[in-house]
């Protein structure tokens, strides 16, 4: 193949097409547990996190529900993936080998959101959220009916493979996926580019700016204890009993169980089996959708 603008342009279109094919095949499990938040700056402030608004009966003047202010900021991070195509391979028409690489490039960039979201979910046992506590913790501060701070737990403890129970019906999911710029395919494929002159290499890449952070801890429960009927029941009961400040019920109804591959068998038995281990009717069948997330392995 001759190295000229026309041939290089055709080659670039083909590689971008391979990239788009891979991108279309990327998993989107992150959409079930995260809320997309468009970003317009290098960092975004989430001082409004901290109070779930509740309707009250109207007596007299309206009561403005002031939002609790917290110092919680998510700073965007830069990500990139670049592939180099050797000039000799183009001259020798040995370009077919790159098609699968560019499809894998699209798959990798498309799956990056899953990696970010589930990495943070997994790290929630030792990473702080807006209230200064670990996202999955035993002592989140909440005001009781008399305005006295009490500790509330959304963690089941343990030291094994993590599993998570989530209410996906709320306006905000447990993870905030902040995107300043999504992945874009770019190229440096001019014959006179420095990378071609110095290393006889045409470059094709994708880059993005994004990051993840925590939303309301009340919408998720995390545990590293054994995924058993008893522990699952305790997690559901805890979430359904979560209250906002001053004792207001939040109406949490967990509907998604997220597990690592090592817990898939236990989760399927818990949510799909007609009968429990003792032969009695399995009361937890169908109480949540199951997601097996390989990113948690």
Foldseek 3Di string as FASTA:
>chain_A
DDQDPVVLVVVVVLLVVLLVLLLVVADDPLVQFFDEDEDADQKDFDQQFDFDDDDDDDDDDDDDDDRHGFGDMDGKDKDKDKDKDALVCVVVVVCPVCSVVSSVQNRVLNHVSVLQRVVVVLCQCPDDARQRDRLAAFFDWAAELVGDTGGAGQEPEADAFKKKWFQSPDPGGFKYKYFHFGKDKDWDRDCPDPCCVPPVITMIMIMGIIHMGGGHSLGMHMYRDDPDPVSVVVNQVSSQCDAHHNHHGPRHQTAEMEGEPVCVVVVCCQADNQADPVRHGRPNHNSHHYHHRNSSD
